[in-house]
Amino acid sequence: MDISPPSKTQVTTRQIPEWHHLPNTSIQSKPLMIYHGAFNATSTEPKKHLEAVGEVIPQWVYSMYSQTHFHTTTHEVLGVISGSARLCFGGEENPDRFEPQVQRGDLIIVSAGVGHRLLEDLYGNQEEFQMVGAYPHGKQWDMCYGTPEEKAKIQRIKDVAWFRQDPLYGVNGPALHV
């Protein structure tokens, strides 16, 4: 299987400062990354592609929670398999938040600590917004919501290893140059 993404893939990166109890990219300085047009239109392609590259293991297919949350134990890779949505990264009240529109074929790398949530499913019932969620080998995701009680958990982010390979491109790619 050819694991090369389409040549038209464009990458958006964002550093998002800490906001209240959301660490965002402040601990590791690893950006949020969106690979626009990473996959063709077939819904099974993102899962197969991620498995072929082998840096992350697909674990679920779902939408995105509508409550802001983040992970302290792992980075998260999300491949959009259907629909289109407007997402919020960094916290709704954060003046430095990022609210991109993503669509089928996009790949998102959410670095540990970055608050994220679904703002709006843009297709409604026509084509529900769905993603495949994947994580590095041996990593289990946790759920944090930006409460003061999570302060000790947040310190774990500094020890979360970055990718050895780019989840989309393999041995060389944008995730390895941040």
Protein backbone atom coordinates (compact mmCIF):
# COMPACT_ATOMS: atom_id res chain seq x y z
CA MET A 1 0.00 0.00 0.00
CA ASP A 2 1.29 3.45 -0.89
CA ILE A 3 1.30 5.49 2.31
CA SER A 4 2.02 8.81 0.64
CA PRO A 5 -0.67 11.41 1.37
CA PRO A 6 -2.03 13.53 -1.47
CA SER A 7 0.42 16.16 -2.70
CA LYS A 8 -2.17 18.90 -2.10
CA THR A 9 -2.05 18.39 1.68
CA GLN A 10 -1.56 21.69 3.51
CA VAL A 11 -0.60 21.90 7.18
CA THR A 12 -1.80 24.47 9.70
CA THR A 13 0.00 24.65 13.05
CA ARG A 14 -0.97 26.62 16.14
CA GLN A 15 0.63 27.26 19.49
CA ILE A 16 -2.09 28.02 22.02
CA PRO A 17 -1.12 29.59 25.36
CA GLU A 18 -2.33 28.31 28.71
CA TRP A 19 -5.78 29.54 29.65
CA HIS A 20 -6.98 29.20 33.23
CA HIS A 21 -6.67 25.44 33.94
CA LEU A 22 -6.14 24.42 30.29
CA PRO A 23 -2.41 23.94 29.69
CA ASN A 24 -2.78 23.88 25.88
CA THR A 25 0.70 23.94 24.27
CA SER A 26 2.42 25.74 27.17
CA ILE A 27 4.21 22.70 28.66
CA GLN A 28 5.80 20.97 25.65
CA SER A 29 5.45 23.65 22.98
CA LYS A 30 4.26 20.98 20.53
CA PRO A 31 1.65 22.60 18.31
CA LEU A 32 -1.84 21.64 17.35
CA MET A 33 -1.52 20.47 13.73
CA ILE A 34 -4.16 20.13 11.02
CA TYR A 35 -3.27 18.35 7.79
CA HIS A 36 -5.92 19.63 5.35
CA GLY A 37 -6.78 17.20 2.57
CA ALA A 38 -4.65 14.39 4.01
CA PHE A 39 -6.95 11.65 2.72
CA ASN A 40 -9.21 11.02 -0.25
CA ALA A 41 -12.96 10.74 0.21
CA THR A 42 -13.25 7.06 1.20
CA SER A 43 -14.23 6.67 4.83
CA THR A 44 -11.99 3.65 5.53
CA GLU A 45 -8.83 5.28 4.18
CA PRO A 46 -7.73 7.19 7.33
CA LYS A 47 -7.85 4.07 9.52
CA LYS A 48 -5.99 1.93 6.96
CA HIS A 49 -3.44 4.67 6.34
CA LEU A 50 -2.71 5.19 10.06
CA GLU A 51 -2.35 1.43 10.51
CA ALA A 52 0.05 1.24 7.53
CA VAL A 53 2.28 4.03 8.86
CA GLY A 54 2.16 2.34 12.26
CA GLU A 55 2.96 5.28 14.54
CA VAL A 56 -0.50 5.30 16.10
CA ILE A 57 -3.22 2.71 16.63
CA PRO A 58 -6.81 3.60 15.67
CA GLN A 59 -9.06 2.94 18.68
CA TRP A 60 -12.49 4.41 18.03
CA VAL A 61 -14.86 6.09 15.54
CA TYR A 62 -17.01 8.88 16.96
CA SER A 63 -17.61 12.61 16.79
CA MET A 64 -15.88 15.00 19.20
CA TYR A 65 -17.28 15.74 22.64
CA SER A 66 -19.07 19.07 22.90
CA GLN A 67 -17.45 19.76 26.29
CA THR A 68 -13.90 21.12 26.38
CA HIS A 69 -11.50 18.41 27.46
CA PHE A 70 -7.84 17.49 27.10
CA HIS A 71 -5.49 14.58 27.66
CA THR A 72 -2.40 14.47 29.89
CA THR A 73 -1.17 10.95 29.05
CA THR A 74 -0.89 11.03 25.27
CA HIS A 75 -1.10 13.03 22.08
CA GLU A 76 -4.20 12.32 19.98
CA VAL A 77 -4.48 11.83 16.21
CA LEU A 78 -7.92 12.38 14.66
CA GLY A 79 -8.78 11.49 11.06
CA VAL A 80 -12.05 13.00 9.82
CA ILE A 81 -13.96 10.25 8.00
CA SER A 82 -17.28 11.99 7.35
CA GLY A 83 -18.95 15.35 7.54
CA SER A 84 -17.61 18.75 8.41
CA ALA A 85 -17.44 20.62 11.71
CA ARG A 86 -16.26 23.73 13.45
CA LEU A 87 -14.02 22.87 16.40
CA CYS A 88 -12.59 24.90 19.26
CA PHE A 89 -9.04 24.43 20.51
CA GLY A 90 -7.75 26.21 23.59
CA GLY A 91 -10.98 26.93 25.49
CA GLU A 92 -14.08 28.88 24.44
CA GLU A 93 -13.24 31.96 26.52
CA ASN A 94 -9.55 32.00 25.57
CA PRO A 95 -8.82 35.07 23.41
CA ASP A 96 -6.09 32.99 21.69
CA ARG A 97 -8.35 30.02 20.93
CA PHE A 98 -8.40 28.51 17.45
CA GLU A 99 -11.73 27.66 15.79
CA PRO A 100 -11.04 25.91 12.48
CA GLN A 101 -13.47 24.20 10.18
CA VAL A 102 -12.43 20.63 9.38
CA GLN A 103 -13.89 18.19 6.89
CA ARG A 104 -13.68 14.66 5.59
CA GLY A 105 -10.08 13.91 4.66
CA ASP A 106 -8.42 16.14 7.28
CA LEU A 107 -6.05 14.80 9.94
CA ILE A 108 -5.61 16.57 13.28
CA ILE A 109 -2.80 16.11 15.79
CA VAL A 110 -3.94 17.32 19.19
CA SER A 111 -0.89 17.57 21.41
CA ALA A 112 -1.26 16.58 25.06
CA GLY A 113 -2.83 19.37 27.10
CA VAL A 114 -4.66 21.14 24.27
CA GLY A 115 -8.30 21.74 25.19
CA HIS A 116 -10.66 20.76 22.40
CA ARG A 117 -14.37 20.45 21.71
CA LEU A 118 -16.95 20.30 18.95
CA LEU A 119 -18.65 23.65 18.39
CA GLU A 120 -20.87 22.78 15.46
CA ASP A 121 -21.55 19.79 13.20
CA LEU A 122 -21.92 21.62 9.87
CA TYR A 123 -23.74 18.92 7.94
CA GLY A 124 -26.36 17.99 10.52
CA ASN A 125 -28.23 14.89 9.45
CA GLN A 126 -26.93 14.88 5.86
CA GLU A 127 -23.51 13.50 6.77
CA GLU A 128 -22.71 13.24 10.45
CA PHE A 129 -19.29 14.45 11.59
CA GLN A 130 -17.20 11.40 12.49
CA MET A 131 -13.52 10.84 13.16
CA VAL A 132 -11.22 7.91 13.80
CA GLY A 133 -9.23 8.48 17.01
CA ALA A 134 -5.72 7.04 17.25
CA TYR A 135 -2.95 7.03 19.85
CA PRO A 136 0.71 5.97 20.00
CA HIS A 137 1.43 2.34 20.91
CA GLY A 138 0.99 1.59 24.60
CA LYS A 139 -0.74 4.90 25.38
CA GLN A 140 -4.12 5.21 27.07
CA TRP A 141 -5.97 8.51 26.97
CA ASP A 142 -7.40 10.16 30.03
CA MET A 143 -10.11 12.81 30.25
CA CYS A 144 -9.44 16.15 31.92
CA TYR A 145 -11.77 19.14 31.91
CA GLY A 146 -9.68 22.06 33.17
CA THR A 147 -10.57 21.89 36.85
CA PRO A 148 -8.20 23.04 39.62
CA GLU A 149 -8.07 19.46 40.96
CA GLU A 150 -6.26 18.31 37.80
CA LYS A 151 -3.11 20.34 38.51
CA ALA A 152 -1.00 17.29 39.45
CA LYS A 153 -2.14 15.39 36.35
CA ILE A 154 -1.16 18.31 34.12
CA GLN A 155 2.48 17.97 35.21
CA ARG A 156 2.59 14.55 33.45
CA ILE A 157 2.40 16.28 30.08
CA LYS A 158 6.10 17.19 30.20
CA ASP A 159 6.93 13.45 30.10
CA VAL A 160 4.70 12.54 27.13
CA ALA A 161 6.99 11.50 24.26
CA TRP A 162 6.44 13.09 20.85
CA PHE A 163 6.10 10.98 17.73
CA ARG A 164 9.02 8.94 16.36
CA GLN A 165 7.39 9.09 12.92
CA ASP A 166 4.91 11.50 11.44
CA PRO A 167 1.49 9.80 11.81
CA LEU A 168 0.60 10.72 8.21
CA TYR A 169 3.90 10.73 6.32
CA GLY A 170 5.91 8.12 8.22
CA VAL A 171 9.68 8.53 8.47
CA ASN A 172 9.64 12.18 7.47
CA GLY A 173 6.92 14.76 7.78
CA PRO A 174 5.80 18.00 9.39
CA ALA A 175 5.24 16.52 12.88
CA LEU A 176 8.95 15.72 13.08
CA HIS A 177 9.98 19.31 12.40
CA VAL A 178 8.13 21.13 15.18
